[in-house]
C-alpha atoms as a PDB file:
ATOM      1  CA  UNK A   1     -56.592 -79.059  76.972  1.00  0.00           C
ATOM      2  CA  UNK A   2     -58.622 -81.016  74.409  1.00  0.00           C
ATOM      3  CA  UNK A   3     -62.322 -81.684  74.554  1.00  0.00           C
ATOM      4  CA  UNK A   4     -65.583 -79.797  74.434  1.00  0.00           C
ATOM      5  CA  UNK A   5     -66.014 -77.529  77.431  1.00  0.00           C
ATOM      6  CA  UNK A   6     -66.632 -74.018  78.727  1.00  0.00           C
ATOM      7  CA  UNK A   7     -63.701 -72.308  80.431  1.00  0.00           C
ATOM      8  CA  UNK A   8     -65.272 -70.204  83.180  1.00  0.00           C
ATOM      9  CA  UNK A   9     -62.018 -68.432  83.935  1.00  0.00           C
ATOM     10  CA  UNK A  10     -61.717 -66.975  80.423  1.00  0.00           C
ATOM     11  CA  UNK A  11     -65.427 -67.161  79.520  1.00  0.00           C
ATOM     12  CA  UNK A  12     -64.497 -69.142  76.393  1.00  0.00           C
ATOM     13  CA  UNK A  13     -66.127 -72.112  74.650  1.00  0.00           C
ATOM     14  CA  UNK A  14     -64.075 -74.946  73.148  1.00  0.00           C
ATOM     15  CA  UNK A  15     -65.092 -77.788  70.853  1.00  0.00           C
ATOM     16  CA  UNK A  16     -62.641 -80.665  70.521  1.00  0.00           C
ATOM     17  CA  UNK A  17     -59.970 -78.357  71.904  1.00  0.00           C
ATOM     18  CA  UNK A  18     -60.591 -75.486  69.431  1.00  0.00           C
ATOM     19  CA  UNK A  19     -62.130 -72.100  70.216  1.00  0.00           C
ATOM     20  CA  UNK A  20     -65.858 -72.049  69.367  1.00  0.00           C
ATOM     21  CA  UNK A  21     -68.778 -69.657  69.382  1.00  0.00           C
ATOM     22  CA  UNK A  22     -71.484 -70.335  71.944  1.00  0.00           C
ATOM     23  CA  UNK A  23     -73.837 -71.456  69.144  1.00  0.00           C
ATOM     24  CA  UNK A  24     -71.286 -73.971  67.819  1.00  0.00           C
ATOM     25  CA  UNK A  25     -70.594 -75.191  71.344  1.00  0.00           C
ATOM     26  CA  UNK A  26     -74.290 -75.758  72.097  1.00  0.00           C
ATOM     27  CA  UNK A  27     -74.781 -77.848  68.923  1.00  0.00           C
ATOM     28  CA  UNK A  28     -71.606 -79.895  69.445  1.00  0.00           C
ATOM     29  CA  UNK A  29     -72.400 -80.416  73.122  1.00  0.00           C
ATOM     30  CA  UNK A  30     -75.673 -82.113  72.166  1.00  0.00           C
ATOM     31  CA  UNK A  31     -74.081 -84.145  69.355  1.00  0.00           C
ATOM     32  CA  UNK A  32     -71.650 -85.510  71.934  1.00  0.00           C
ATOM     33  CA  UNK A  33     -74.366 -85.950  74.571  1.00  0.00           C
ATOM     34  CA  UNK A  34     -76.307 -88.161  72.151  1.00  0.00           C
ATOM     35  CA  UNK A  35     -73.227 -90.305  71.465  1.00  0.00           C
ATOM     36  CA  UNK A  36     -71.880 -88.775  68.253  1.00  0.00           C
ATOM     37  CA  UNK A  37     -68.487 -87.466  69.439  1.00  0.00           C
ATOM     38  CA  UNK A  38     -66.684 -89.483  66.750  1.00  0.00           C
ATOM     39  CA  UNK A  39     -69.291 -88.730  64.072  1.00  0.00           C
ATOM     40  CA  UNK A  40     -68.493 -85.070  63.531  1.00  0.00           C
ATOM     41  CA  UNK A  41     -65.534 -82.917  62.608  1.00  0.00           C
ATOM     42  CA  UNK A  42     -65.408 -79.358  63.899  1.00  0.00           C
ATOM     43  CA  UNK A  43     -64.034 -76.627  61.593  1.00  0.00           C
ATOM     44  CA  UNK A  44     -63.421 -78.939  58.630  1.00  0.00           C
ATOM     45  CA  UNK A  45     -60.949 -77.476  56.096  1.00  0.00           C
ATOM     46  CA  UNK A  46     -61.526 -77.583  52.341  1.00  0.00           C
ATOM     47  CA  UNK A  47     -58.787 -76.505  49.914  1.00  0.00           C
ATOM     48  CA  UNK A  48     -56.493 -75.504  52.751  1.00  0.00           C
ATOM     49  CA  UNK A  49     -59.149 -73.961  54.978  1.00  0.00           C
ATOM     50  CA  UNK A  50     -58.844 -70.352  56.040  1.00  0.00           C
ATOM     51  CA  UNK A  51     -55.044 -70.509  55.761  1.00  0.00           C
ATOM     52  CA  UNK A  52     -55.144 -70.550  51.945  1.00  0.00           C
ATOM     53  CA  UNK A  53     -56.773 -68.023  49.601  1.00  0.00           C
ATOM     54  CA  UNK A  54     -59.847 -69.699  48.123  1.00  0.00           C
ATOM     55  CA  UNK A  55     -59.967 -72.274  50.909  1.00  0.00           C
ATOM     56  CA  UNK A  56     -62.895 -72.511  53.300  1.00  0.00           C
ATOM     57  CA  UNK A  57     -63.815 -74.028  56.642  1.00  0.00           C
ATOM     58  CA  UNK A  58     -67.111 -75.745  57.351  1.00  0.00           C
ATOM     59  CA  UNK A  59     -68.425 -75.286  60.894  1.00  0.00           C
ATOM     60  CA  UNK A  60     -69.354 -78.953  61.341  1.00  0.00           C
ATOM     61  CA  UNK A  61     -69.287 -82.064  59.166  1.00  0.00           C
ATOM     62  CA  UNK A  62     -71.582 -84.752  60.546  1.00  0.00           C
ATOM     63  CA  UNK A  63     -72.106 -88.368  59.498  1.00  0.00           C
ATOM     64  CA  UNK A  64     -73.503 -91.681  60.745  1.00  0.00           C
ATOM     65  CA  UNK A  65     -76.869 -90.363  61.938  1.00  0.00           C
ATOM     66  CA  UNK A  66     -80.311 -91.197  60.525  1.00  0.00           C
ATOM     67  CA  UNK A  67     -80.651 -87.768  58.889  1.00  0.00           C
ATOM     68  CA  UNK A  68     -76.955 -87.410  57.967  1.00  0.00           C
ATOM     69  CA  UNK A  69     -75.731 -90.887  56.966  1.00  0.00           C
ATOM     70  CA  UNK A  70     -73.040 -89.438  54.655  1.00  0.00           C
ATOM     71  CA  UNK A  71     -70.607 -86.624  55.517  1.00  0.00           C
ATOM     72  CA  UNK A  72     -72.917 -83.595  55.622  1.00  0.00           C
ATOM     73  CA  UNK A  73     -71.823 -79.943  55.891  1.00  0.00           C
ATOM     74  CA  UNK A  74     -73.513 -77.939  58.639  1.00  0.00           C
ATOM     75  CA  UNK A  75     -73.168 -74.181  58.982  1.00  0.00           C
ATOM     76  CA  UNK A  76     -74.186 -72.251  62.077  1.00  0.00           C
ATOM     77  CA  UNK A  77     -75.439 -69.164  60.226  1.00  0.00           C
ATOM     78  CA  UNK A  78     -75.193 -66.495  62.888  1.00  0.00           C
ATOM     79  CA  UNK A  79     -74.875 -62.960  61.544  1.00  0.00           C
ATOM     80  CA  UNK A  80     -71.808 -62.235  63.688  1.00  0.00           C
ATOM     81  CA  UNK A  81     -69.763 -65.001  62.019  1.00  0.00           C
ATOM     82  CA  UNK A  82     -71.457 -65.257  58.625  1.00  0.00           C
ATOM     83  CA  UNK A  83     -72.495 -61.703  57.689  1.00  0.00           C
ATOM     84  CA  UNK A  84     -73.680 -60.880  54.188  1.00  0.00           C
ATOM     85  CA  UNK A  85     -74.767 -64.469  53.633  1.00  0.00           C
ATOM     86  CA  UNK A  86     -75.669 -63.754  50.017  1.00  0.00           C
ATOM     87  CA  UNK A  87     -72.807 -61.522  48.873  1.00  0.00           C
ATOM     88  CA  UNK A  88     -70.442 -62.771  46.162  1.00  0.00           C
ATOM     89  CA  UNK A  89     -67.803 -64.164  48.512  1.00  0.00           C
ATOM     90  CA  UNK A  90     -70.343 -66.007  50.662  1.00  0.00           C
ATOM     91  CA  UNK A  91     -72.110 -67.379  47.603  1.00  0.00           C
ATOM     92  CA  UNK A  92     -68.776 -68.653  46.261  1.00  0.00           C
ATOM     93  CA  UNK A  93     -67.911 -70.143  49.660  1.00  0.00           C
ATOM     94  CA  UNK A  94     -71.242 -71.989  49.847  1.00  0.00           C
ATOM     95  CA  UNK A  95     -70.815 -73.242  46.262  1.00  0.00           C
ATOM     96  CA  UNK A  96     -67.343 -74.633  47.077  1.00  0.00           C
ATOM     97  CA  UNK A  97     -68.715 -76.454  50.124  1.00  0.00           C
ATOM     98  CA  UNK A  98     -71.759 -77.863  48.339  1.00  0.00           C
ATOM     99  CA  UNK A  99     -69.659 -78.964  45.355  1.00  0.00           C
ATOM    100  CA  UNK A 100     -67.099 -80.639  47.629  1.00  0.00           C
ATOM    101  CA  UNK A 101     -69.740 -82.643  49.489  1.00  0.00           C
ATOM    102  CA  UNK A 102     -72.089 -82.989  46.501  1.00  0.00           C
ATOM    103  CA  UNK A 103     -75.036 -81.967  48.655  1.00  0.00           C
ATOM    104  CA  UNK A 104     -76.636 -78.817  50.080  1.00  0.00           C
ATOM    105  CA  UNK A 105     -75.434 -77.307  53.328  1.00  0.00           C
ATOM    106  CA  UNK A 106     -77.667 -77.705  56.365  1.00  0.00           C
ATOM    107  CA  UNK A 107     -77.927 -74.163  57.720  1.00  0.00           C
ATOM    108  CA  UNK A 108     -78.868 -73.637  61.345  1.00  0.00           C
ATOM    109  CA  UNK A 109     -79.773 -70.082  62.330  1.00  0.00           C
ATOM    110  CA  UNK A 110     -79.232 -68.115  65.535  1.00  0.00           C
ATOM    111  CA  UNK A 111     -82.696 -68.837  66.910  1.00  0.00           C
ATOM    112  CA  UNK A 112     -82.136 -72.584  66.480  1.00  0.00           C
ATOM    113  CA  UNK A 113     -78.755 -72.549  68.227  1.00  0.00           C
ATOM    114  CA  UNK A 114     -78.618 -69.578  70.633  1.00  0.00           C
ATOM    115  CA  UNK A 115     -79.252 -71.563  73.834  1.00  0.00           C
ATOM    116  CA  UNK A 116     -78.707 -75.065  75.180  1.00  0.00           C
ATOM    117  CA  UNK A 117     -82.459 -75.727  74.988  1.00  0.00           C
ATOM    118  CA  UNK A 118     -82.873 -74.503  71.399  1.00  0.00           C
ATOM    119  CA  UNK A 119     -79.753 -76.358  70.255  1.00  0.00           C
ATOM    120  CA  UNK A 120     -80.959 -79.586  71.888  1.00  0.00           C
ATOM    121  CA  UNK A 121     -84.311 -79.314  70.122  1.00  0.00           C
ATOM    122  CA  UNK A 122     -82.589 -78.537  66.788  1.00  0.00           C
ATOM    123  CA  UNK A 123     -80.027 -81.337  67.053  1.00  0.00           C
ATOM    124  CA  UNK A 124     -82.755 -83.868  67.785  1.00  0.00           C
ATOM    125  CA  UNK A 125     -85.137 -82.669  65.061  1.00  0.00           C
ATOM    126  CA  UNK A 126     -82.740 -81.652  62.271  1.00  0.00           C
ATOM    127  CA  UNK A 127     -79.564 -83.725  62.630  1.00  0.00           C
ATOM    128  CA  UNK A 128     -80.200 -87.064  64.368  1.00  0.00           C
END
């Protein structure tokens, strides 16, 4: 089943048919709610993504909004999924992403994305 939804039976979030964390789901839900379903890519692969050594995935790439007119990398920096944000591997990963897009990553933290209400506020103030 494709789409962005919450499966109550399995207690699982999906964004565009792919498994997602609750934080990612909340952000993508509001992007879609505000009419940007075709303006973002979820789990964008660079250099082969997580299937290739040295490759990375970006949580969200957003474009065509007032604050993100060009393809802009967005990371949902929640400790569970992005621990040790400043260790060597994470620093390399961030450098690859920023070099690929030729711009800094927009990092959204747990507090900004941990509920539907916080994610709505963040999407409206930081991304649209």
